[in-house]
Amino acid sequence: MPLDPASRLGSAVLEGVVEAQSELLRFLGSRLAKTAAAFGQLAACRTPAEIVQLQLQLGADAATDCLAQAQRMIGVMEKAASENLALVP
């Protein structure tokens, strides 16, 4: 039995939400792993200057990761929007 347009649209919206959540969870897992690794790197520092340098690098890396993730999420949302608009009668 074919789905009516509203059901198809609802299904497409749900697929977009699932894809966005999956992408966000992937990102959070990646950042958590990097944060855990950072604790080991901090423990290896021997001077305050090394700590400051590492913190600056970790902050820059986190900012780069967050920007890349924002761009990926925009892509996911654009894809979902275009697919959903195609289903609107």
PDB file of N, CA and C in Angstrom:
ATOM      1  N   MET A   1       0.851  -1.178   0.000  1.00  0.00           N
ATOM      2  CA  MET A   1       0.000   0.000   0.000  1.00  0.00           C
ATOM      3  C   MET A   1       0.896   1.240   0.000  1.00  0.00           C
ATOM      4  N   PRO A   2       0.778   2.122  -0.982  1.00  0.00           N
ATOM      5  CA  PRO A   2       1.629   3.305  -1.043  1.00  0.00           C
ATOM      6  C   PRO A   2       1.284   4.289   0.072  1.00  0.00           C
ATOM      7  N   LEU A   3       2.312   4.982   0.530  1.00  0.00           N
ATOM      8  CA  LEU A   3       2.115   5.972   1.585  1.00  0.00           C
ATOM      9  C   LEU A   3       1.572   7.262   1.002  1.00  0.00           C
ATOM     10  N   ASP A   4       0.756   7.924   1.766  1.00  0.00           N
ATOM     11  CA  ASP A   4       0.260   9.218   1.324  1.00  0.00           C
ATOM     12  C   ASP A   4       1.389  10.241   1.452  1.00  0.00           C
ATOM     13  N   PRO A   5       1.272  11.405   0.818  1.00  0.00           N
ATOM     14  CA  PRO A   5       2.362  12.399   0.837  1.00  0.00           C
ATOM     15  C   PRO A   5       2.783  12.820   2.246  1.00  0.00           C
ATOM     16  N   ALA A   6       1.817  12.963   3.145  1.00  0.00           N
ATOM     17  CA  ALA A   6       2.157  13.372   4.512  1.00  0.00           C
ATOM     18  C   ALA A   6       2.994  12.302   5.213  1.00  0.00           C
ATOM     19  N   SER A   7       2.660  11.058   4.989  1.00  0.00           N
ATOM     20  CA  SER A   7       3.423   9.967   5.600  1.00  0.00           C
ATOM     21  C   SER A   7       4.833   9.899   5.036  1.00  0.00           C
ATOM     22  N   ARG A   8       4.960  10.090   3.726  1.00  0.00           N
ATOM     23  CA  ARG A   8       6.293  10.092   3.100  1.00  0.00           C
ATOM     24  C   ARG A   8       7.125  11.241   3.642  1.00  0.00           C
ATOM     25  N   LEU A   9       6.501  12.401   3.790  1.00  0.00           N
ATOM     26  CA  LEU A   9       7.220  13.559   4.314  1.00  0.00           C
ATOM     27  C   LEU A   9       7.651  13.310   5.758  1.00  0.00           C
ATOM     28  N   GLY A  10       6.748  12.767   6.563  1.00  0.00           N
ATOM     29  CA  GLY A  10       7.087  12.466   7.958  1.00  0.00           C
ATOM     30  C   GLY A  10       8.238  11.481   8.060  1.00  0.00           C
ATOM     31  N   SER A  11       8.213  10.475   7.201  1.00  0.00           N
ATOM     32  CA  SER A  11       9.291   9.487   7.179  1.00  0.00           C
ATOM     33  C   SER A  11      10.614  10.139   6.785  1.00  0.00           C
ATOM     34  N   ALA A  12      10.575  11.010   5.800  1.00  0.00           N
ATOM     35  CA  ALA A  12      11.799  11.692   5.352  1.00  0.00           C
ATOM     36  C   ALA A  12      12.349  12.608   6.442  1.00  0.00           C
ATOM     37  N   VAL A  13      11.459  13.302   7.141  1.00  0.00           N
ATOM     38  CA  VAL A  13      11.901  14.172   8.236  1.00  0.00           C
ATOM     39  C   VAL A  13      12.571  13.341   9.319  1.00  0.00           C
ATOM     40  N   LEU A  14      11.959  12.219   9.658  1.00  0.00           N
ATOM     41  CA  LEU A  14      12.531  11.341  10.683  1.00  0.00           C
ATOM     42  C   LEU A  14      13.905  10.824  10.251  1.00  0.00           C
ATOM     43  N   GLU A  15      14.057  10.457   8.987  1.00  0.00           N
ATOM     44  CA  GLU A  15      15.353  10.002   8.489  1.00  0.00           C
ATOM     45  C   GLU A  15      16.406  11.101   8.635  1.00  0.00           C
ATOM     46  N   GLY A  16      16.025  12.336   8.361  1.00  0.00           N
ATOM     47  CA  GLY A  16      16.953  13.459   8.516  1.00  0.00           C
ATOM     48  C   GLY A  16      17.369  13.662   9.961  1.00  0.00           C
ATOM     49  N   VAL A  17      16.413  13.529  10.862  1.00  0.00           N
ATOM     50  CA  VAL A  17      16.714  13.676  12.297  1.00  0.00           C
ATOM     51  C   VAL A  17      17.667  12.577  12.744  1.00  0.00           C
ATOM     52  N   VAL A  18      17.420  11.354  12.314  1.00  0.00           N
ATOM     53  CA  VAL A  18      18.284  10.222  12.686  1.00  0.00           C
ATOM     54  C   VAL A  18      19.697  10.448  12.146  1.00  0.00           C
ATOM     55  N   GLU A  19      19.807  10.898  10.896  1.00  0.00           N
ATOM     56  CA  GLU A  19      21.129  11.146  10.322  1.00  0.00           C
ATOM     57  C   GLU A  19      21.867  12.248  11.085  1.00  0.00           C
ATOM     58  N   ALA A  20      21.151  13.320  11.441  1.00  0.00           N
ATOM     59  CA  ALA A  20      21.772  14.415  12.191  1.00  0.00           C
ATOM     60  C   ALA A  20      22.230  13.940  13.569  1.00  0.00           C
ATOM     61  N   GLN A  21      21.409  13.165  14.243  1.00  0.00           N
ATOM     62  CA  GLN A  21      21.786  12.662  15.569  1.00  0.00           C
ATOM     63  C   GLN A  21      22.964  11.705  15.477  1.00  0.00           C
ATOM     64  N   SER A  22      22.985  10.874  14.466  1.00  0.00           N
ATOM     65  CA  SER A  22      24.112   9.945  14.287  1.00  0.00           C
ATOM     66  C   SER A  22      25.409  10.711  14.059  1.00  0.00           C
ATOM     67  N   GLU A  23      25.340  11.743  13.248  1.00  0.00           N
ATOM     68  CA  GLU A  23      26.525  12.566  12.978  1.00  0.00           C
ATOM     69  C   GLU A  23      26.990  13.262  14.249  1.00  0.00           C
ATOM     70  N   LEU A  24      26.058  13.770  15.015  1.00  0.00           N
ATOM     71  CA  LEU A  24      26.415  14.442  16.267  1.00  0.00           C
ATOM     72  C   LEU A  24      27.039  13.472  17.262  1.00  0.00           C
ATOM     73  N   LEU A  25      26.494  12.277  17.364  1.00  0.00           N
ATOM     74  CA  LEU A  25      27.070  11.272  18.272  1.00  0.00           C
ATOM     75  C   LEU A  25      28.468  10.847  17.825  1.00  0.00           C
ATOM     76  N   ARG A  26      28.671  10.728  16.514  1.00  0.00           N
ATOM     77  CA  ARG A  26      29.999  10.405  16.000  1.00  0.00           C
ATOM     78  C   ARG A  26      31.000  11.489  16.404  1.00  0.00           C
ATOM     79  N   PHE A  27      30.590  12.743  16.248  1.00  0.00           N
ATOM     80  CA  PHE A  27      31.452  13.868  16.609  1.00  0.00           C
ATOM     81  C   PHE A  27      31.755  13.867  18.111  1.00  0.00           C
ATOM     82  N   LEU A  28      30.733  13.682  18.920  1.00  0.00           N
ATOM     83  CA  LEU A  28      30.945  13.690  20.371  1.00  0.00           C
ATOM     84  C   LEU A  28      31.883  12.562  20.803  1.00  0.00           C
ATOM     85  N   GLY A  29      31.741  11.398  20.198  1.00  0.00           N
ATOM     86  CA  GLY A  29      32.638  10.290  20.507  1.00  0.00           C
ATOM     87  C   GLY A  29      34.074  10.605  20.138  1.00  0.00           C
ATOM     88  N   SER A  30      34.241  11.231  18.989  1.00  0.00           N
ATOM     89  CA  SER A  30      35.578  11.614  18.531  1.00  0.00           C
ATOM     90  C   SER A  30      36.202  12.648  19.466  1.00  0.00           C
ATOM     91  N   ARG A  31      35.419  13.657  19.838  1.00  0.00           N
ATOM     92  CA  ARG A  31      35.945  14.691  20.739  1.00  0.00           C
ATOM     93  C   ARG A  31      36.250  14.106  22.117  1.00  0.00           C
ATOM     94  N   LEU A  32      35.430  13.188  22.577  1.00  0.00           N
ATOM     95  CA  LEU A  32      35.680  12.567  23.877  1.00  0.00           C
ATOM     96  C   LEU A  32      36.990  11.792  23.848  1.00  0.00           C
ATOM     97  N   ALA A  33      37.249  11.071  22.777  1.00  0.00           N
ATOM     98  CA  ALA A  33      38.506  10.328  22.649  1.00  0.00           C
ATOM     99  C   ALA A  33      39.697  11.288  22.628  1.00  0.00           C
ATOM    100  N   LYS A  34      39.555  12.394  21.918  1.00  0.00           N
ATOM    101  CA  LYS A  34      40.645  13.374  21.861  1.00  0.00           C
ATOM    102  C   LYS A  34      40.870  14.029  23.221  1.00  0.00           C
ATOM    103  N   THR A  35      39.795  14.271  23.941  1.00  0.00           N
ATOM    104  CA  THR A  35      39.920  14.865  25.283  1.00  0.00           C
ATOM    105  C   THR A  35      40.613  13.892  26.232  1.00  0.00           C
ATOM    106  N   ALA A  36      40.261  12.623  26.149  1.00  0.00           N
ATOM    107  CA  ALA A  36      40.912  11.618  26.992  1.00  0.00           C
ATOM    108  C   ALA A  36      42.400  11.533  26.673  1.00  0.00           C
ATOM    109  N   ALA A  37      42.746  11.590  25.387  1.00  0.00           N
ATOM    110  CA  ALA A  37      44.160  11.558  24.995  1.00  0.00           C
ATOM    111  C   ALA A  37      44.896  12.793  25.501  1.00  0.00           C
ATOM    112  N   ALA A  38      44.192  13.919  25.561  1.00  0.00           N
ATOM    113  CA  ALA A  38      44.814  15.158  26.019  1.00  0.00           C
ATOM    114  C   ALA A  38      45.265  15.067  27.474  1.00  0.00           C
ATOM    115  N   PHE A  39      44.515  14.333  28.293  1.00  0.00           N
ATOM    116  CA  PHE A  39      44.930  14.171  29.697  1.00  0.00           C
ATOM    117  C   PHE A  39      46.287  13.484  29.781  1.00  0.00           C
ATOM    118  N   GLY A  40      46.496  12.484  28.942  1.00  0.00           N
ATOM    119  CA  GLY A  40      47.796  11.815  28.909  1.00  0.00           C
ATOM    120  C   GLY A  40      48.899  12.745  28.444  1.00  0.00           C
ATOM    121  N   GLN A  41      48.590  13.584  27.457  1.00  0.00           N
ATOM    122  CA  GLN A  41      49.579  14.537  26.966  1.00  0.00           C
ATOM    123  C   GLN A  41      49.904  15.572  28.040  1.00  0.00           C
ATOM    124  N   LEU A  42      48.878  16.022  28.761  1.00  0.00           N
ATOM    125  CA  LEU A  42      49.128  16.993  29.841  1.00  0.00           C
ATOM    126  C   LEU A  42      50.001  16.388  30.940  1.00  0.00           C
ATOM    127  N   ALA A  43      49.768  15.133  31.238  1.00  0.00           N
ATOM    128  CA  ALA A  43      50.557  14.465  32.272  1.00  0.00           C
ATOM    129  C   ALA A  43      52.026  14.352  31.871  1.00  0.00           C
ATOM    130  N   ALA A  44      52.295  14.341  30.568  1.00  0.00           N
ATOM    131  CA  ALA A  44      53.676  14.230  30.091  1.00  0.00           C
ATOM    132  C   ALA A  44      54.405  15.568  30.082  1.00  0.00           C
ATOM    133  N   CYS A  45      53.676  16.654  30.258  1.00  0.00           N
ATOM    134  CA  CYS A  45      54.323  17.977  30.254  1.00  0.00           C
ATOM    135  C   CYS A  45      55.213  18.136  31.485  1.00  0.00           C
ATOM    136  N   ARG A  46      56.367  18.775  31.290  1.00  0.00           N
ATOM    137  CA  ARG A  46      57.328  18.935  32.384  1.00  0.00           C
ATOM    138  C   ARG A  46      57.487  20.382  32.838  1.00  0.00           C
ATOM    139  N   THR A  47      57.016  21.321  32.040  1.00  0.00           N
ATOM    140  CA  THR A  47      57.156  22.736  32.420  1.00  0.00           C
ATOM    141  C   THR A  47      55.816  23.439  32.186  1.00  0.00           C
ATOM    142  N   PRO A  48      55.625  24.560  32.876  1.00  0.00           N
ATOM    143  CA  PRO A  48      54.412  25.347  32.621  1.00  0.00           C
ATOM    144  C   PRO A  48      54.300  25.796  31.155  1.00  0.00           C
ATOM    145  N   ALA A  49      55.420  26.079  30.533  1.00  0.00           N
ATOM    146  CA  ALA A  49      55.397  26.494  29.130  1.00  0.00           C
ATOM    147  C   ALA A  49      54.873  25.366  28.235  1.00  0.00           C
ATOM    148  N   GLU A  50      55.260  24.131  28.517  1.00  0.00           N
ATOM    149  CA  GLU A  50      54.749  22.998  27.747  1.00  0.00           C
ATOM    150  C   GLU A  50      53.238  22.858  27.927  1.00  0.00           C
ATOM    151  N   ILE A  51      52.772  23.087  29.148  1.00  0.00           N
ATOM    152  CA  ILE A  51      51.334  22.991  29.421  1.00  0.00           C
ATOM    153  C   ILE A  51      50.576  24.049  28.633  1.00  0.00           C
ATOM    154  N   VAL A  52      51.081  25.283  28.677  1.00  0.00           N
ATOM    155  CA  VAL A  52      50.420  26.374  27.946  1.00  0.00           C
ATOM    156  C   VAL A  52      50.413  26.076  26.452  1.00  0.00           C
ATOM    157  N   GLN A  53      51.546  25.626  25.926  1.00  0.00           N
ATOM    158  CA  GLN A  53      51.628  25.316  24.496  1.00  0.00           C
ATOM    159  C   GLN A  53      50.650  24.216  24.116  1.00  0.00           C
ATOM    160  N   LEU A  54      50.570  23.189  24.937  1.00  0.00           N
ATOM    161  CA  LEU A  54      49.648  22.085  24.661  1.00  0.00           C
ATOM    162  C   LEU A  54      48.198  22.555  24.748  1.00  0.00           C
ATOM    163  N   GLN A  55      47.889  23.365  25.746  1.00  0.00           N
ATOM    164  CA  GLN A  55      46.524  23.869  25.868  1.00  0.00           C
ATOM    165  C   GLN A  55      46.136  24.710  24.655  1.00  0.00           C
ATOM    166  N   LEU A  56      47.058  25.530  24.177  1.00  0.00           N
ATOM    167  CA  LEU A  56      46.786  26.325  22.973  1.00  0.00           C
ATOM    168  C   LEU A  56      46.532  25.420  21.772  1.00  0.00           C
ATOM    169  N   GLN A  57      47.340  24.384  21.638  1.00  0.00           N
ATOM    170  CA  GLN A  57      47.166  23.463  20.519  1.00  0.00           C
ATOM    171  C   GLN A  57      45.850  22.692  20.630  1.00  0.00           C
ATOM    172  N   LEU A  58      45.541  22.240  21.833  1.00  0.00           N
ATOM    173  CA  LEU A  58      44.290  21.503  22.035  1.00  0.00           C
ATOM    174  C   LEU A  58      43.076  22.389  21.760  1.00  0.00           C
ATOM    175  N   GLY A  59      43.158  23.641  22.179  1.00  0.00           N
ATOM    176  CA  GLY A  59      42.067  24.581  21.912  1.00  0.00           C
ATOM    177  C   GLY A  59      41.892  24.838  20.424  1.00  0.00           C
ATOM    178  N   ALA A  60      43.007  25.010  19.717  1.00  0.00           N
ATOM    179  CA  ALA A  60      42.944  25.223  18.270  1.00  0.00           C
ATOM    180  C   ALA A  60      42.376  23.995  17.567  1.00  0.00           C
ATOM    181  N   ASP A  61      42.806  22.819  18.001  1.00  0.00           N
ATOM    182  CA  ASP A  61      42.293  21.573  17.406  1.00  0.00           C
ATOM    183  C   ASP A  61      40.788  21.428  17.653  1.00  0.00           C
ATOM    184  N   ALA A  62      40.350  21.747  18.869  1.00  0.00           N
ATOM    185  CA  ALA A  62      38.921  21.645  19.191  1.00  0.00           C
ATOM    186  C   ALA A  62      38.110  22.633  18.347  1.00  0.00           C
ATOM    187  N   ALA A  63      38.628  23.846  18.199  1.00  0.00           N
ATOM    188  CA  ALA A  63      37.921  24.842  17.384  1.00  0.00           C
ATOM    189  C   ALA A  63      37.825  24.387  15.931  1.00  0.00           C
ATOM    190  N   THR A  64      38.904  23.820  15.405  1.00  0.00           N
ATOM    191  CA  THR A  64      38.903  23.303  14.027  1.00  0.00           C
ATOM    192  C   THR A  64      37.888  22.169  13.884  1.00  0.00           C
ATOM    193  N   ASP A  65      37.876  21.260  14.856  1.00  0.00           N
ATOM    194  CA  ASP A  65      36.925  20.148  14.828  1.00  0.00           C
ATOM    195  C   ASP A  65      35.479  20.649  14.884  1.00  0.00           C
ATOM    196  N   CYS A  66      35.229  21.635  15.738  1.00  0.00           N
ATOM    197  CA  CYS A  66      33.864  22.160  15.874  1.00  0.00           C
ATOM    198  C   CYS A  66      33.411  22.862  14.598  1.00  0.00           C
ATOM    199  N   LEU A  67      34.300  23.607  13.965  1.00  0.00           N
ATOM    200  CA  LEU A  67      33.951  24.260  12.706  1.00  0.00           C
ATOM    201  C   LEU A  67      33.652  23.220  11.635  1.00  0.00           C
ATOM    202  N   ALA A  68      34.482  22.202  11.537  1.00  0.00           N
ATOM    203  CA  ALA A  68      34.250  21.143  10.556  1.00  0.00           C
ATOM    204  C   ALA A  68      32.924  20.431  10.838  1.00  0.00           C
ATOM    205  N   GLN A  69      32.630  20.214  12.106  1.00  0.00           N
ATOM    206  CA  GLN A  69      31.370  19.554  12.460  1.00  0.00           C
ATOM    207  C   GLN A  69      30.187  20.431  12.104  1.00  0.00           C
ATOM    208  N   ALA A  70      30.289  21.716  12.357  1.00  0.00           N
ATOM    209  CA  ALA A  70      29.201  22.627  11.995  1.00  0.00           C
ATOM    210  C   ALA A  70      28.943  22.571  10.494  1.00  0.00           C
ATOM    211  N   GLN A  71      30.014  22.520   9.713  1.00  0.00           N
ATOM    212  CA  GLN A  71      29.858  22.433   8.262  1.00  0.00           C
ATOM    213  C   GLN A  71      29.204  21.109   7.857  1.00  0.00           C
ATOM    214  N   ARG A  72      29.580  20.016   8.521  1.00  0.00           N
ATOM    215  CA  ARG A  72      28.959  18.724   8.228  1.00  0.00           C
ATOM    216  C   ARG A  72      27.469  18.751   8.588  1.00  0.00           C
ATOM    217  N   MET A  73      27.135  19.340   9.722  1.00  0.00           N
ATOM    218  CA  MET A  73      25.738  19.402  10.141  1.00  0.00           C
ATOM    219  C   MET A  73      24.921  20.264   9.181  1.00  0.00           C
ATOM    220  N   ILE A  74      25.499  21.338   8.698  1.00  0.00           N
ATOM    221  CA  ILE A  74      24.801  22.154   7.702  1.00  0.00           C
ATOM    222  C   ILE A  74      24.537  21.322   6.458  1.00  0.00           C
ATOM    223  N   GLY A  75      25.511  20.529   6.049  1.00  0.00           N
ATOM    224  CA  GLY A  75      25.325  19.651   4.899  1.00  0.00           C
ATOM    225  C   GLY A  75      24.211  18.646   5.120  1.00  0.00           C
ATOM    226  N   VAL A  76      24.167  18.056   6.309  1.00  0.00           N
ATOM    227  CA  VAL A  76      23.114  17.091   6.635  1.00  0.00           C
ATOM    228  C   VAL A  76      21.753  17.779   6.581  1.00  0.00           C
ATOM    229  N   MET A  77      21.668  18.981   7.146  1.00  0.00           N
ATOM    230  CA  MET A  77      20.396  19.705   7.157  1.00  0.00           C
ATOM    231  C   MET A  77      19.985  20.137   5.746  1.00  0.00           C
ATOM    232  N   GLU A  78      20.946  20.581   4.950  1.00  0.00           N
ATOM    233  CA  GLU A  78      20.630  20.960   3.568  1.00  0.00           C
ATOM    234  C   GLU A  78      20.107  19.759   2.783  1.00  0.00           C
ATOM    235  N   LYS A  79      20.753  18.628   2.959  1.00  0.00           N
ATOM    236  CA  LYS A  79      20.322  17.405   2.265  1.00  0.00           C
ATOM    237  C   LYS A  79      18.912  17.030   2.684  1.00  0.00           C
ATOM    238  N   ALA A  80      18.652  17.049   3.989  1.00  0.00           N
ATOM    239  CA  ALA A  80      17.324  16.693   4.484  1.00  0.00           C
ATOM    240  C   ALA A  80      16.270  17.678   3.973  1.00  0.00           C
ATOM    241  N   ALA A  81      16.610  18.947   3.983  1.00  0.00           N
ATOM    242  CA  ALA A  81      15.647  19.951   3.514  1.00  0.00           C
ATOM    243  C   ALA A  81      15.321  19.763   2.043  1.00  0.00           C
ATOM    244  N   SER A  82      16.346  19.534   1.226  1.00  0.00           N
ATOM    245  CA  SER A  82      16.080  19.381  -0.205  1.00  0.00           C
ATOM    246  C   SER A  82      15.284  18.101  -0.482  1.00  0.00           C
ATOM    247  N   GLU A  83      15.598  17.034   0.234  1.00  0.00           N
ATOM    248  CA  GLU A  83      14.842  15.796   0.054  1.00  0.00           C
ATOM    249  C   GLU A  83      13.396  15.944   0.531  1.00  0.00           C
ATOM    250  N   ASN A  84      13.211  16.667   1.626  1.00  0.00           N
ATOM    251  CA  ASN A  84      11.870  16.854   2.156  1.00  0.00           C
ATOM    252  C   ASN A  84      11.037  17.775   1.270  1.00  0.00           C
ATOM    253  N   LEU A  85      11.656  18.812   0.746  1.00  0.00           N
ATOM    254  CA  LEU A  85      10.928  19.723  -0.145  1.00  0.00           C
ATOM    255  C   LEU A  85      10.480  19.021  -1.422  1.00  0.00           C
ATOM    256  N   ALA A  86      11.251  18.055  -1.856  1.00  0.00           N
ATOM    257  CA  ALA A  86      10.874  17.307  -3.051  1.00  0.00           C
ATOM    258  C   ALA A  86       9.607  16.482  -2.820  1.00  0.00           C
ATOM    259  N   LEU A  87       9.309  16.195  -1.570  1.00  0.00           N
ATOM    260  CA  LEU A  87       8.121  15.382  -1.253  1.00  0.00           C
ATOM    261  C   LEU A  87       6.875  16.220  -1.024  1.00  0.00           C
ATOM    262  N   VAL A  88       7.033  17.532  -0.897  1.00  0.00           N
ATOM    263  CA  VAL A  88       5.883  18.394  -0.656  1.00  0.00           C
ATOM    264  C   VAL A  88       5.065  18.511  -1.940  1.00  0.00           C
ATOM    265  N   PRO A  89       3.781  18.189  -1.853  1.00  0.00           N
ATOM    266  CA  PRO A  89       2.953  18.237  -3.067  1.00  0.00           C
ATOM    267  C   PRO A  89       2.699  19.663  -3.550  1.00  0.00           C
TER     268      PRO A  89
END
